[in-house]
Protein backbone atom coordinates (compact mmCIF):
# COMPACT_ATOMS: atom_id res chain seq x y z
CA MET A 1 -22.62 26.83 44.63
CA SER A 2 -19.77 24.55 45.70
CA ASP A 3 -22.08 21.67 45.06
CA ASP A 4 -22.76 22.85 41.64
CA ARG A 5 -19.11 23.13 40.76
CA HIS A 6 -18.36 19.65 42.20
CA LEU A 7 -21.35 18.06 40.24
CA SER A 8 -20.15 19.98 37.00
CA GLY A 9 -16.51 18.64 37.68
CA VAL A 10 -17.95 14.95 37.94
CA GLY A 11 -19.92 15.50 34.79
CA MET A 12 -16.75 16.76 32.97
CA PHE A 13 -14.78 13.70 34.28
CA GLU A 14 -17.46 11.28 33.23
CA GLY A 15 -17.65 12.78 29.85
CA ILE A 16 -13.78 12.45 29.38
CA ALA A 17 -14.01 8.80 30.74
CA ASP A 18 -16.52 8.04 28.03
CA VAL A 19 -14.00 8.73 25.56
CA PHE A 20 -12.12 5.63 26.43
CA THR A 21 -14.00 3.12 24.44
CA ALA A 22 -13.35 0.51 21.83
CA ASP A 23 -13.81 3.33 19.24
CA LEU A 24 -10.64 5.06 20.59
CA ALA A 25 -8.65 1.72 20.25
CA PHE A 26 -9.77 1.59 16.63
CA ALA A 27 -8.58 5.24 16.25
CA ALA A 28 -5.32 4.47 17.84
CA ALA A 29 -4.78 1.56 15.25
CA VAL A 30 -5.82 3.83 12.45
CA ALA A 31 -3.18 6.43 13.75
CA ILE A 32 -0.44 3.88 13.56
CA VAL A 33 -1.15 3.09 9.87
CA SER A 34 -1.68 6.81 8.97
CA GLY A 35 1.73 7.55 10.66
CA ILE A 36 3.45 5.00 8.73
CA VAL A 37 1.97 6.40 5.36
CA HIS A 38 3.00 9.98 6.36
CA GLY A 39 6.35 9.08 7.63
CA TYR A 40 7.40 7.24 4.21
CA THR A 41 5.67 9.43 1.77
CA GLY A 42 5.46 12.84 3.52
CA PHE A 43 1.68 13.03 3.22
CA GLY A 44 -1.26 10.86 3.26
CA ALA A 45 -2.10 10.45 6.97
CA ALA A 46 -5.34 12.53 6.71
CA LEU A 47 -6.28 10.54 3.45
CA VAL A 48 -6.28 7.33 5.57
CA MET A 49 -7.35 8.77 9.09
CA VAL A 50 -10.05 11.32 8.37
CA PRO A 51 -12.44 8.93 6.26
CA LEU A 52 -12.16 6.12 8.70
CA LEU A 53 -12.45 8.38 11.98
CA ALA A 54 -15.53 10.08 10.17
CA LEU A 55 -17.37 6.88 10.53
CA LEU A 56 -16.90 7.05 14.40
CA TYR A 57 -17.00 10.55 15.20
CA GLY A 58 -18.38 12.50 12.17
CA PRO A 59 -16.27 14.51 9.65
CA VAL A 60 -15.62 17.61 11.87
CA GLU A 61 -14.49 15.72 14.86
CA ALA A 62 -12.44 13.27 12.66
CA ILE A 63 -10.45 16.33 11.07
CA ALA A 64 -9.90 17.85 14.58
CA VAL A 65 -8.57 14.47 16.05
CA THR A 66 -6.50 13.87 12.79
CA SER A 67 -5.01 17.42 13.14
CA ILE A 68 -4.11 17.08 16.97
CA ALA A 69 -2.50 13.60 16.38
CA GLY A 70 -0.71 14.74 13.17
CA LEU A 71 0.66 17.92 14.86
CA ILE A 72 2.20 16.15 17.86
CA GLY A 73 2.96 13.04 16.05
CA SER A 74 4.88 14.32 13.14
CA SER A 75 6.56 17.25 14.90
CA PRO A 76 10.04 15.79 15.28
CA VAL A 77 10.70 15.71 11.47
CA TYR A 78 9.81 19.37 10.68
CA LEU A 79 13.23 20.86 11.49
CA GLY A 80 15.18 18.13 9.33
CA ALA A 81 12.65 18.65 6.39
CA ALA A 82 13.13 22.62 6.70
CA ARG A 83 16.81 22.36 6.26
CA ILE A 84 16.57 20.71 2.69
CA ALA A 85 13.28 22.03 1.46
CA VAL A 86 13.28 24.44 -1.68
CA TRP A 87 11.98 27.61 0.18
CA ARG A 88 11.56 29.50 -3.17
CA GLU A 89 8.81 27.03 -3.99
CA VAL A 90 7.60 26.33 -0.50
CA GLY A 91 7.20 29.96 0.58
CA PRO A 92 4.53 31.14 -1.77
CA LEU A 93 2.72 27.98 -1.26
CA MET A 94 2.59 28.24 2.62
CA ALA A 95 1.62 32.00 2.25
CA ALA A 96 -1.43 31.20 0.02
CA ALA A 97 -2.41 28.08 2.38
CA ILE A 98 -2.49 30.43 5.40
CA ILE A 99 -5.04 32.43 3.76
CA ALA A 100 -7.19 29.61 2.21
CA THR A 101 -7.19 27.34 5.12
CA PRO A 102 -9.48 29.28 7.51
CA LEU A 103 -11.93 29.90 4.75
CA GLY A 104 -12.12 26.20 4.14
CA VAL A 105 -12.93 25.67 7.63
CA VAL A 106 -15.84 28.24 7.26
CA VAL A 107 -17.27 26.16 4.57
CA LEU A 108 -16.95 23.04 6.69
CA PHE A 109 -18.98 24.35 9.37
CA SER A 110 -21.79 25.41 6.98
CA VAL A 111 -22.29 22.24 5.00
CA ASP A 112 -24.06 19.02 6.03
CA PRO A 113 -21.54 16.49 7.71
CA GLU A 114 -22.98 13.56 5.70
CA TRP A 115 -22.23 15.38 2.53
CA ILE A 116 -18.75 16.21 3.78
CA ARG A 117 -17.98 12.66 4.76
CA ARG A 118 -19.00 11.35 1.21
CA ALA A 119 -17.24 14.32 -0.42
CA ILE A 120 -13.86 13.34 1.51
CA GLY A 121 -14.29 9.70 0.40
CA LEU A 122 -14.77 10.89 -3.19
CA PHE A 123 -11.89 13.17 -3.04
CA VAL A 124 -9.76 10.44 -1.71
CA LEU A 125 -10.64 8.25 -4.55
CA MET A 126 -9.88 10.78 -7.16
CA ALA A 127 -6.50 11.73 -5.58
CA ALA A 128 -5.56 7.93 -5.22
CA LEU A 129 -6.48 7.19 -8.79
CA LEU A 130 -4.67 10.31 -10.09
CA LEU A 131 -1.54 9.49 -8.41
CA MET A 132 -1.82 5.69 -9.34
CA SER A 133 -2.21 6.56 -12.88
CA GLY A 134 1.47 7.98 -12.82
CA TRP A 135 0.31 11.50 -14.12
CA VAL A 136 2.56 14.33 -13.15
CA TYR A 137 2.27 18.16 -13.24
CA ARG A 138 4.56 19.43 -16.05
CA GLY A 139 3.24 23.07 -16.42
CA ARG A 140 5.21 26.20 -15.39
CA ARG A 141 6.71 26.42 -11.90
CA GLY A 142 7.28 29.49 -9.85
CA ALA A 143 5.59 31.72 -7.28
CA VAL A 144 2.40 31.91 -9.14
CA ALA A 145 2.10 28.21 -9.53
CA SER A 146 3.03 27.56 -5.95
CA ALA A 147 0.44 30.06 -4.61
CA VAL A 148 -2.22 28.31 -6.65
CA THR A 149 -1.30 24.95 -5.30
CA GLY A 150 -1.39 26.49 -1.76
CA THR A 151 -4.58 28.00 -2.14
CA LEU A 152 -6.06 24.51 -3.25
CA CYS A 153 -4.19 22.70 -0.50
CA GLY A 154 -5.56 25.19 2.11
CA ALA A 155 -9.06 25.07 0.81
CA VAL A 156 -9.25 21.43 0.74
CA SER A 157 -7.61 20.90 4.18
CA GLY A 158 -10.03 23.48 5.62
CA VAL A 159 -13.18 21.72 4.14
CA ALA A 160 -12.08 18.09 4.31
CA GLY A 161 -8.81 17.78 5.99
CA VAL A 162 -7.13 16.17 3.23
CA GLY A 163 -5.17 18.94 1.40
CA GLY A 164 -1.93 16.78 0.48
CA PRO A 165 -2.86 15.48 -2.84
CA PRO A 166 -2.40 18.98 -4.58
CA VAL A 167 0.88 19.31 -3.02
CA VAL A 168 2.12 16.03 -3.81
CA VAL A 169 1.05 16.21 -7.55
CA TYR A 170 2.93 19.61 -7.70
CA PHE A 171 6.23 18.70 -5.96
CA ILE A 172 6.52 15.04 -7.25
CA ALA A 173 6.94 16.75 -10.68
CA ALA A 174 9.87 19.11 -9.53
CA PRO A 175 13.35 18.41 -10.64
CA HIS A 176 14.50 17.39 -7.21
CA GLU A 177 15.81 14.05 -5.66
CA PRO A 178 13.20 12.13 -3.72
CA ALA A 179 14.40 13.43 -0.26
CA VAL A 180 13.90 17.11 -1.35
CA GLN A 181 10.53 16.41 -2.80
CA ARG A 182 9.52 14.56 0.52
CA ALA A 183 10.82 17.55 2.57
CA ASN A 184 8.92 20.19 0.49
CA ILE A 185 5.73 17.95 0.90
CA VAL A 186 6.17 17.45 4.77
CA ILE A 187 6.62 21.23 5.28
CA SER A 188 3.94 22.20 3.07
CA VAL A 189 1.41 19.74 4.48
CA GLY A 190 2.66 20.38 8.01
CA VAL A 191 2.06 24.17 7.94
CA VAL A 192 -1.85 23.65 7.37
CA ILE A 193 -2.26 21.41 10.34
CA PRO A 194 -2.17 24.12 13.07
CA LEU A 195 -4.22 26.38 10.79
CA VAL A 196 -7.00 23.77 10.49
CA LEU A 197 -6.82 23.11 14.16
CA GLY A 198 -6.79 26.76 15.23
CA SER A 199 -9.70 27.65 13.02
CA MET A 200 -11.64 24.75 14.40
CA ALA A 201 -11.04 25.71 17.87
CA ILE A 202 -12.15 29.17 17.15
CA GLY A 203 -15.14 27.91 15.79
CA GLY A 204 -15.91 25.73 18.90
CA ALA A 205 -15.30 22.27 17.27
CA VAL A 206 -12.63 21.34 19.71
CA ASP A 207 -13.79 20.25 23.34
CA GLY A 208 -12.09 18.25 26.02
CA ALA A 209 -13.08 14.79 24.32
CA THR A 210 -11.61 15.97 21.06
CA LEU A 211 -8.38 16.85 22.83
CA VAL A 212 -8.17 13.68 24.73
CA ARG A 213 -8.89 11.49 21.55
CA GLY A 214 -6.06 13.45 19.65
CA ILE A 215 -3.53 13.24 22.43
CA VAL A 216 -4.28 9.59 23.11
CA ALA A 217 -3.79 8.85 19.21
CA ALA A 218 -0.68 10.91 18.93
CA PRO A 219 1.82 8.44 20.42
CA PHE A 220 0.61 5.91 18.12
CA TYR A 221 0.79 8.12 15.36
CA MET A 222 4.34 9.10 16.27
CA ALA A 223 5.34 5.45 16.33
CA GLY A 224 3.89 4.89 13.06
CA PHE A 225 5.55 7.96 11.58
CA HIS A 226 8.87 6.89 12.96
CA GLY A 227 8.46 3.38 11.32
CA GLY A 228 7.40 5.06 8.01
CA THR A 229 10.58 7.52 8.05
CA ARG A 230 12.78 4.39 8.62
CA LEU A 231 11.08 2.53 5.53
CA PHE A 232 11.85 5.65 3.40
CA GLY A 233 15.53 4.94 3.83
CA ILE A 234 15.46 1.12 3.50
CA ALA A 235 12.33 -0.04 1.40
CA PRO A 236 11.70 0.37 -2.24
CA GLN A 237 9.47 3.47 -2.59
CA SER A 238 7.75 2.07 -5.56
CA LEU A 239 6.54 -0.71 -3.54
CA PHE A 240 5.35 1.06 -0.63
CA ARG A 241 3.76 3.67 -2.90
CA LYS A 242 1.42 1.07 -4.47
CA VAL A 243 0.48 -0.38 -1.08
CA ALA A 244 -0.39 3.08 0.27
CA LEU A 245 -2.42 4.03 -2.80
CA TRP A 246 -4.54 0.85 -2.63
CA LEU A 247 -4.99 1.53 0.97
CA LEU A 248 -6.19 5.06 0.00
CA ILE A 249 -8.70 3.48 -2.58
CA ALA A 250 -10.01 1.31 0.19
CA THR A 251 -10.56 4.05 2.71
CA GLY A 252 -12.12 6.35 -0.01
CA LEU A 253 -14.54 3.62 -1.06
CA THR A 254 -15.51 2.99 2.62
CA ALA A 255 -16.39 6.72 3.13
CA VAL A 256 -18.47 6.89 0.12
CA VAL A 257 -20.46 3.71 0.43
CA PHE A 258 -21.06 3.37 4.22
């Protein structure tokens, strides 16, 4: 029995060791870019990271790794964002997202991964083109509108790991200064990350290799996030916005075509 345990331990070690490949180096580089986008705009990391990692690990694994890296890498900013967020808008959105996200993960486990990967790419393209067009939400605001946005954000996050665009479209149109808009987005997007990760863990989609990939990517994500946060204070937002959107279009096309 002791020999079996020893062999099992060796097998697990070898399995974890197999994670450290050129693919993981690519994932770390993607994490840096994703962190920069997230740090500057308050969203967009998953739009960059999930489609590209899906090419390496498949969509389910990509969403899990992105969630782990994002949860660790962007955690330092949540307290500051919470202080200036408009909670009468963020609160109902978060409540709806808490309900919708696990339901989205159930769909994720039920659909063919190839279709999910292409759907992620198509959703990224649509979101990027919508944001690039300059269109903004001008409808009524309040608890109901926030809850609808939260439901859409949670559902898309659970299914595809990229629930940020509905939140961005909603909050960018809010009559607040950019720092407050960004804080609202950061908090709203941030709340669905542990929900997605927890639901996937319960569903058995998070194993030792997934944890290692996410933890290894997290410092690179954090470095990019810190750089993006600094850019928010010093660089023209309009210029970086254009760069980020074109990057999203490129990643969306990659996921749809390949």
